[in-house]
PDB file of N, CA and C in Angstrom:
ATOM      1  N   MET A   1      52.314 -42.832  -0.273  1.00  0.00           N
ATOM      2  CA  MET A   1      51.215 -43.416  -0.976  1.00  0.00           C
ATOM      3  C   MET A   1      51.623 -43.901  -2.359  1.00  0.00           C
ATOM      4  N   PRO A   2      52.542 -44.809  -2.440  1.00  0.00           N
ATOM      5  CA  PRO A   2      52.939 -45.364  -3.738  1.00  0.00           C
ATOM      6  C   PRO A   2      51.742 -46.008  -4.441  1.00  0.00           C
ATOM      7  N   TYR A   3      51.824 -46.059  -5.749  1.00  0.00           N
ATOM      8  CA  TYR A   3      50.759 -46.640  -6.558  1.00  0.00           C
ATOM      9  C   TYR A   3      51.135 -48.072  -6.925  1.00  0.00           C
ATOM     10  N   ARG A   4      50.307 -49.037  -6.530  1.00  0.00           N
ATOM     11  CA  ARG A   4      50.589 -50.446  -6.812  1.00  0.00           C
ATOM     12  C   ARG A   4      50.394 -50.769  -8.288  1.00  0.00           C
ATOM     13  N   THR A   5      49.371 -50.204  -8.890  1.00  0.00           N
ATOM     14  CA  THR A   5      49.076 -50.434 -10.308  1.00  0.00           C
ATOM     15  C   THR A   5      48.619 -49.120 -10.930  1.00  0.00           C
ATOM     16  N   ASN A   6      48.512 -49.121 -12.254  1.00  0.00           N
ATOM     17  CA  ASN A   6      48.018 -47.924 -12.935  1.00  0.00           C
ATOM     18  C   ASN A   6      46.577 -47.622 -12.545  1.00  0.00           C
ATOM     19  N   ALA A   7      45.821 -48.641 -12.181  1.00  0.00           N
ATOM     20  CA  ALA A   7      44.433 -48.440 -11.767  1.00  0.00           C
ATOM     21  C   ALA A   7      44.336 -47.599 -10.497  1.00  0.00           C
ATOM     22  N   ASN A   8      45.431 -47.525  -9.735  1.00  0.00           N
ATOM     23  CA  ASN A   8      45.453 -46.732  -8.511  1.00  0.00           C
ATOM     24  C   ASN A   8      45.836 -45.269  -8.753  1.00  0.00           C
ATOM     25  N   LEU A   9      46.267 -44.950  -9.968  1.00  0.00           N
ATOM     26  CA  LEU A   9      46.609 -43.562 -10.291  1.00  0.00           C
ATOM     27  C   LEU A   9      45.361 -42.696 -10.234  1.00  0.00           C
ATOM     28  N   PRO A  10      45.523 -41.402  -9.990  1.00  0.00           N
ATOM     29  CA  PRO A  10      44.354 -40.513  -9.999  1.00  0.00           C
ATOM     30  C   PRO A  10      43.622 -40.599 -11.341  1.00  0.00           C
ATOM     31  N   PRO A  11      42.293 -40.517 -11.323  1.00  0.00           N
ATOM     32  CA  PRO A  11      41.518 -40.606 -12.572  1.00  0.00           C
ATOM     33  C   PRO A  11      41.979 -39.622 -13.645  1.00  0.00           C
ATOM     34  N   SER A  12      42.374 -38.431 -13.249  1.00  0.00           N
ATOM     35  CA  SER A  12      42.803 -37.435 -14.242  1.00  0.00           C
ATOM     36  C   SER A  12      44.018 -37.922 -15.036  1.00  0.00           C
ATOM     37  N   LEU A  13      44.898 -38.674 -14.401  1.00  0.00           N
ATOM     38  CA  LEU A  13      46.055 -39.224 -15.109  1.00  0.00           C
ATOM     39  C   LEU A  13      45.644 -40.397 -15.998  1.00  0.00           C
ATOM     40  N   ARG A  14      44.855 -41.290 -15.446  1.00  0.00           N
ATOM     41  CA  ARG A  14      44.423 -42.472 -16.211  1.00  0.00           C
ATOM     42  C   ARG A  14      43.643 -42.080 -17.453  1.00  0.00           C
ATOM     43  N   GLU A  15      42.856 -41.029 -17.362  1.00  0.00           N
ATOM     44  CA  GLU A  15      42.014 -40.607 -18.487  1.00  0.00           C
ATOM     45  C   GLU A  15      42.791 -39.874 -19.564  1.00  0.00           C
ATOM     46  N   ARG A  16      43.916 -39.280 -19.224  1.00  0.00           N
ATOM     47  CA  ARG A  16      44.637 -38.437 -20.177  1.00  0.00           C
ATOM     48  C   ARG A  16      45.924 -39.051 -20.720  1.00  0.00           C
ATOM     49  N   LEU A  17      46.622 -39.818 -19.898  1.00  0.00           N
ATOM     50  CA  LEU A  17      47.912 -40.352 -20.325  1.00  0.00           C
ATOM     51  C   LEU A  17      47.768 -41.711 -21.002  1.00  0.00           C
ATOM     52  N   PRO A  18      48.528 -41.941 -22.082  1.00  0.00           N
ATOM     53  CA  PRO A  18      48.559 -43.280 -22.676  1.00  0.00           C
ATOM     54  C   PRO A  18      49.107 -44.284 -21.651  1.00  0.00           C
ATOM     55  N   LEU A  19      48.828 -45.549 -21.859  1.00  0.00           N
ATOM     56  CA  LEU A  19      49.229 -46.591 -20.918  1.00  0.00           C
ATOM     57  C   LEU A  19      50.730 -46.557 -20.623  1.00  0.00           C
ATOM     58  N   HIS A  20      51.549 -46.434 -21.652  1.00  0.00           N
ATOM     59  CA  HIS A  20      53.002 -46.406 -21.443  1.00  0.00           C
ATOM     60  C   HIS A  20      53.414 -45.217 -20.574  1.00  0.00           C
ATOM     61  N   ALA A  21      52.801 -44.069 -20.801  1.00  0.00           N
ATOM     62  CA  ALA A  21      53.095 -42.881 -19.994  1.00  0.00           C
ATOM     63  C   ALA A  21      52.633 -43.077 -18.554  1.00  0.00           C
ATOM     64  N   GLN A  22      51.527 -43.786 -18.360  1.00  0.00           N
ATOM     65  CA  GLN A  22      51.073 -44.101 -17.007  1.00  0.00           C
ATOM     66  C   GLN A  22      52.104 -44.964 -16.288  1.00  0.00           C
ATOM     67  N   ASN A  23      52.663 -45.930 -17.010  1.00  0.00           N
ATOM     68  CA  ASN A  23      53.708 -46.785 -16.418  1.00  0.00           C
ATOM     69  C   ASN A  23      54.910 -45.953 -15.990  1.00  0.00           C
ATOM     70  N   ILE A  24      55.331 -45.047 -16.869  1.00  0.00           N
ATOM     71  CA  ILE A  24      56.461 -44.164 -16.561  1.00  0.00           C
ATOM     72  C   ILE A  24      56.154 -43.338 -15.322  1.00  0.00           C
ATOM     73  N   TYR A  25      54.971 -42.745 -15.291  1.00  0.00           N
ATOM     74  CA  TYR A  25      54.580 -41.898 -14.164  1.00  0.00           C
ATOM     75  C   TYR A  25      54.588 -42.689 -12.859  1.00  0.00           C
ATOM     76  N   ARG A  26      53.928 -43.843 -12.872  1.00  0.00           N
ATOM     77  CA  ARG A  26      53.815 -44.655 -11.654  1.00  0.00           C
ATOM     78  C   ARG A  26      55.190 -45.087 -11.147  1.00  0.00           C
ATOM     79  N   GLU A  27      56.041 -45.576 -12.035  1.00  0.00           N
ATOM     80  CA  GLU A  27      57.367 -46.031 -11.619  1.00  0.00           C
ATOM     81  C   GLU A  27      58.219 -44.883 -11.089  1.00  0.00           C
ATOM     82  N   ALA A  28      58.178 -43.739 -11.758  1.00  0.00           N
ATOM     83  CA  ALA A  28      58.956 -42.579 -11.305  1.00  0.00           C
ATOM     84  C   ALA A  28      58.424 -42.053  -9.974  1.00  0.00           C
ATOM     85  N   PHE A  29      57.102 -42.006  -9.833  1.00  0.00           N
ATOM     86  CA  PHE A  29      56.503 -41.544  -8.585  1.00  0.00           C
ATOM     87  C   PHE A  29      56.918 -42.454  -7.435  1.00  0.00           C
ATOM     88  N   ASN A  30      56.783 -43.751  -7.622  1.00  0.00           N
ATOM     89  CA  ASN A  30      57.105 -44.692  -6.548  1.00  0.00           C
ATOM     90  C   ASN A  30      58.579 -44.618  -6.156  1.00  0.00           C
ATOM     91  N   HIS A  31      59.439 -44.469  -7.142  1.00  0.00           N
ATOM     92  CA  HIS A  31      60.868 -44.359  -6.858  1.00  0.00           C
ATOM     93  C   HIS A  31      61.163 -43.071  -6.077  1.00  0.00           C
ATOM     94  N   ALA A  32      60.585 -41.967  -6.532  1.00  0.00           N
ATOM     95  CA  ALA A  32      60.798 -40.688  -5.843  1.00  0.00           C
ATOM     96  C   ALA A  32      60.195 -40.715  -4.440  1.00  0.00           C
ATOM     97  N   TRP A  33      59.037 -41.347  -4.290  1.00  0.00           N
ATOM     98  CA  TRP A  33      58.379 -41.452  -2.978  1.00  0.00           C
ATOM     99  C   TRP A  33      59.327 -42.124  -1.987  1.00  0.00           C
ATOM    100  N   ALA A  34      59.966 -43.188  -2.418  1.00  0.00           N
ATOM    101  CA  ALA A  34      60.889 -43.924  -1.543  1.00  0.00           C
ATOM    102  C   ALA A  34      62.151 -43.103  -1.253  1.00  0.00           C
ATOM    103  N   ASN A  35      62.648 -42.410  -2.261  1.00  0.00           N
ATOM    104  CA  ASN A  35      63.908 -41.679  -2.097  1.00  0.00           C
ATOM    105  C   ASN A  35      63.766 -40.364  -1.345  1.00  0.00           C
ATOM    106  N   TYR A  36      62.568 -39.815  -1.283  1.00  0.00           N
ATOM    107  CA  TYR A  36      62.365 -38.528  -0.608  1.00  0.00           C
ATOM    108  C   TYR A  36      61.527 -38.671   0.653  1.00  0.00           C
ATOM    109  N   ALA A  37      61.634 -39.798   1.316  1.00  0.00           N
ATOM    110  CA  ALA A  37      60.877 -40.039   2.548  1.00  0.00           C
ATOM    111  C   ALA A  37      61.202 -38.996   3.617  1.00  0.00           C
ATOM    112  N   SER A  38      62.405 -38.475   3.591  1.00  0.00           N
ATOM    113  CA  SER A  38      62.811 -37.499   4.607  1.00  0.00           C
ATOM    114  C   SER A  38      62.306 -36.084   4.294  1.00  0.00           C
ATOM    115  N   ALA A  39      61.601 -35.910   3.177  1.00  0.00           N
ATOM    116  CA  ALA A  39      61.126 -34.580   2.789  1.00  0.00           C
ATOM    117  C   ALA A  39      59.882 -34.159   3.568  1.00  0.00           C
ATOM    118  N   GLY A  40      59.363 -35.043   4.396  1.00  0.00           N
ATOM    119  CA  GLY A  40      58.211 -34.694   5.220  1.00  0.00           C
ATOM    120  C   GLY A  40      56.974 -34.425   4.400  1.00  0.00           C
ATOM    121  N   GLU A  41      56.308 -33.316   4.715  1.00  0.00           N
ATOM    122  CA  GLU A  41      55.038 -33.019   4.059  1.00  0.00           C
ATOM    123  C   GLU A  41      55.199 -32.678   2.579  1.00  0.00           C
ATOM    124  N   ARG A  42      56.409 -32.448   2.103  1.00  0.00           N
ATOM    125  CA  ARG A  42      56.652 -32.153   0.678  1.00  0.00           C
ATOM    126  C   ARG A  42      56.914 -33.417  -0.131  1.00  0.00           C
ATOM    127  N   GLN A  43      56.976 -34.568   0.521  1.00  0.00           N
ATOM    128  CA  GLN A  43      57.301 -35.832  -0.152  1.00  0.00           C
ATOM    129  C   GLN A  43      56.392 -36.085  -1.360  1.00  0.00           C
ATOM    130  N   GLU A  44      55.102 -35.947  -1.170  1.00  0.00           N
ATOM    131  CA  GLU A  44      54.165 -36.222  -2.263  1.00  0.00           C
ATOM    132  C   GLU A  44      54.331 -35.228  -3.409  1.00  0.00           C
ATOM    133  N   GLU A  45      54.475 -33.947  -3.085  1.00  0.00           N
ATOM    134  CA  GLU A  45      54.660 -32.929  -4.118  1.00  0.00           C
ATOM    135  C   GLU A  45      55.913 -33.212  -4.939  1.00  0.00           C
ATOM    136  N   ILE A  46      56.995 -33.530  -4.263  1.00  0.00           N
ATOM    137  CA  ILE A  46      58.253 -33.825  -4.949  1.00  0.00           C
ATOM    138  C   ILE A  46      58.091 -35.045  -5.850  1.00  0.00           C
ATOM    139  N   ALA A  47      57.454 -36.076  -5.340  1.00  0.00           N
ATOM    140  CA  ALA A  47      57.266 -37.300  -6.125  1.00  0.00           C
ATOM    141  C   ALA A  47      56.435 -37.024  -7.376  1.00  0.00           C
ATOM    142  N   HIS A  48      55.381 -36.207  -7.256  1.00  0.00           N
ATOM    143  CA  HIS A  48      54.568 -35.870  -8.428  1.00  0.00           C
ATOM    144  C   HIS A  48      55.380 -35.070  -9.446  1.00  0.00           C
ATOM    145  N   ARG A  49      56.170 -34.124  -8.980  1.00  0.00           N
ATOM    146  CA  ARG A  49      56.984 -33.319  -9.902  1.00  0.00           C
ATOM    147  C   ARG A  49      57.991 -34.176 -10.657  1.00  0.00           C
ATOM    148  N   ILE A  50      58.617 -35.090  -9.958  1.00  0.00           N
ATOM    149  CA  ILE A  50      59.588 -35.980 -10.597  1.00  0.00           C
ATOM    150  C   ILE A  50      58.891 -36.902 -11.590  1.00  0.00           C
ATOM    151  N   ALA A  51      57.715 -37.397 -11.228  1.00  0.00           N
ATOM    152  CA  ALA A  51      56.976 -38.282 -12.128  1.00  0.00           C
ATOM    153  C   ALA A  51      56.587 -37.551 -13.414  1.00  0.00           C
ATOM    154  N   TRP A  52      56.116 -36.304 -13.287  1.00  0.00           N
ATOM    155  CA  TRP A  52      55.767 -35.540 -14.484  1.00  0.00           C
ATOM    156  C   TRP A  52      56.996 -35.272 -15.341  1.00  0.00           C
ATOM    157  N   ALA A  53      58.122 -34.978 -14.717  1.00  0.00           N
ATOM    158  CA  ALA A  53      59.356 -34.742 -15.479  1.00  0.00           C
ATOM    159  C   ALA A  53      59.742 -35.996 -16.262  1.00  0.00           C
ATOM    160  N   ALA A  54      59.552 -37.157 -15.658  1.00  0.00           N
ATOM    161  CA  ALA A  54      59.865 -38.419 -16.347  1.00  0.00           C
ATOM    162  C   ALA A  54      58.946 -38.618 -17.554  1.00  0.00           C
ATOM    163  N   VAL A  55      57.672 -38.323 -17.390  1.00  0.00           N
ATOM    164  CA  VAL A  55      56.732 -38.456 -18.513  1.00  0.00           C
ATOM    165  C   VAL A  55      57.131 -37.504 -19.637  1.00  0.00           C
ATOM    166  N   LYS A  56      57.483 -36.274 -19.281  1.00  0.00           N
ATOM    167  CA  LYS A  56      57.794 -35.255 -20.285  1.00  0.00           C
ATOM    168  C   LYS A  56      59.085 -35.539 -21.041  1.00  0.00           C
ATOM    169  N   LYS A  57      59.915 -36.454 -20.545  1.00  0.00           N
ATOM    170  CA  LYS A  57      61.110 -36.852 -21.300  1.00  0.00           C
ATOM    171  C   LYS A  57      60.729 -37.687 -22.516  1.00  0.00           C
ATOM    172  N   SER A  58      59.627 -38.411 -22.421  1.00  0.00           N
ATOM    173  CA  SER A  58      59.212 -39.316 -23.503  1.00  0.00           C
ATOM    174  C   SER A  58      57.957 -38.869 -24.242  1.00  0.00           C
ATOM    175  N   TYR A  59      57.201 -37.954 -23.657  1.00  0.00           N
ATOM    176  CA  TYR A  59      55.934 -37.527 -24.251  1.00  0.00           C
ATOM    177  C   TYR A  59      55.852 -36.011 -24.312  1.00  0.00           C
ATOM    178  N   ARG A  60      55.101 -35.545 -25.288  1.00  0.00           N
ATOM    179  CA  ARG A  60      54.812 -34.111 -25.391  1.00  0.00           C
ATOM    180  C   ARG A  60      53.304 -33.956 -25.481  1.00  0.00           C
ATOM    181  N   LYS A  61      52.834 -32.814 -25.052  1.00  0.00           N
ATOM    182  CA  LYS A  61      51.400 -32.563 -25.063  1.00  0.00           C
ATOM    183  C   LYS A  61      51.038 -31.767 -26.308  1.00  0.00           C
ATOM    184  N   ALA A  62      50.046 -32.259 -27.034  1.00  0.00           N
ATOM    185  CA  ALA A  62      49.526 -31.572 -28.212  1.00  0.00           C
ATOM    186  C   ALA A  62      48.041 -31.363 -27.966  1.00  0.00           C
ATOM    187  N   GLY A  63      47.677 -30.159 -27.583  1.00  0.00           N
ATOM    188  CA  GLY A  63      46.295 -29.900 -27.185  1.00  0.00           C
ATOM    189  C   GLY A  63      46.006 -30.630 -25.891  1.00  0.00           C
ATOM    190  N   ASP A  64      45.032 -31.512 -25.912  1.00  0.00           N
ATOM    191  CA  ASP A  64      44.705 -32.313 -24.730  1.00  0.00           C
ATOM    192  C   ASP A  64      45.264 -33.724 -24.803  1.00  0.00           C
ATOM    193  N   THR A  65      46.078 -33.995 -25.831  1.00  0.00           N
ATOM    194  CA  THR A  65      46.594 -35.341 -26.070  1.00  0.00           C
ATOM    195  C   THR A  65      48.087 -35.406 -25.788  1.00  0.00           C
ATOM    196  N   TRP A  66      48.494 -36.502 -25.149  1.00  0.00           N
ATOM    197  CA  TRP A  66      49.914 -36.753 -24.908  1.00  0.00           C
ATOM    198  C   TRP A  66      50.417 -37.683 -26.005  1.00  0.00           C
ATOM    199  N   ILE A  67      51.481 -37.254 -26.698  1.00  0.00           N
ATOM    200  CA  ILE A  67      52.026 -37.982 -27.841  1.00  0.00           C
ATOM    201  C   ILE A  67      53.473 -38.361 -27.534  1.00  0.00           C
ATOM    202  N   GLU A  68      53.810 -39.604 -27.847  1.00  0.00           N
ATOM    203  CA  GLU A  68      55.174 -40.065 -27.608  1.00  0.00           C
ATOM    204  C   GLU A  68      56.121 -39.324 -28.547  1.00  0.00           C
ATOM    205  N   LYS A  69      57.248 -38.864 -27.996  1.00  0.00           N
ATOM    206  CA  LYS A  69      58.244 -38.163 -28.794  1.00  0.00           C
ATOM    207  C   LYS A  69      58.954 -39.154 -29.703  1.00  0.00           C
ATOM    208  N   SER A  70      59.323 -38.703 -30.860  1.00  0.00           N
ATOM    209  CA  SER A  70      60.050 -39.554 -31.798  1.00  0.00           C
ATOM    210  C   SER A  70      61.472 -39.771 -31.306  1.00  0.00           C
ATOM    211  N   THR A  71      61.969 -40.956 -31.512  1.00  0.00           N
ATOM    212  CA  THR A  71      63.350 -41.250 -31.161  1.00  0.00           C
ATOM    213  C   THR A  71      64.218 -40.941 -32.379  1.00  0.00           C
ATOM    214  N   PRO A  72      65.273 -40.139 -32.199  1.00  0.00           N
ATOM    215  CA  PRO A  72      66.113 -39.757 -33.350  1.00  0.00           C
ATOM    216  C   PRO A  72      66.838 -40.932 -33.942  1.00  0.00           C
TER     217      PRO A  72
END
């Protein structure tokens, strides 16, 4: 179930993540979805975990807000 656009992301993600983070999530999810097709029923879980890991490389959570990490 790859996401064609950010509008197709679950509402909980769209409401909480900044637009750039949504792009990161969607692209990482779609890539993982394609690469883990052989994972069977765990494919979706794996894709979500990888997508969140990608978001967390660039964003940190402060309370209920996701903030882009500073680049050194």
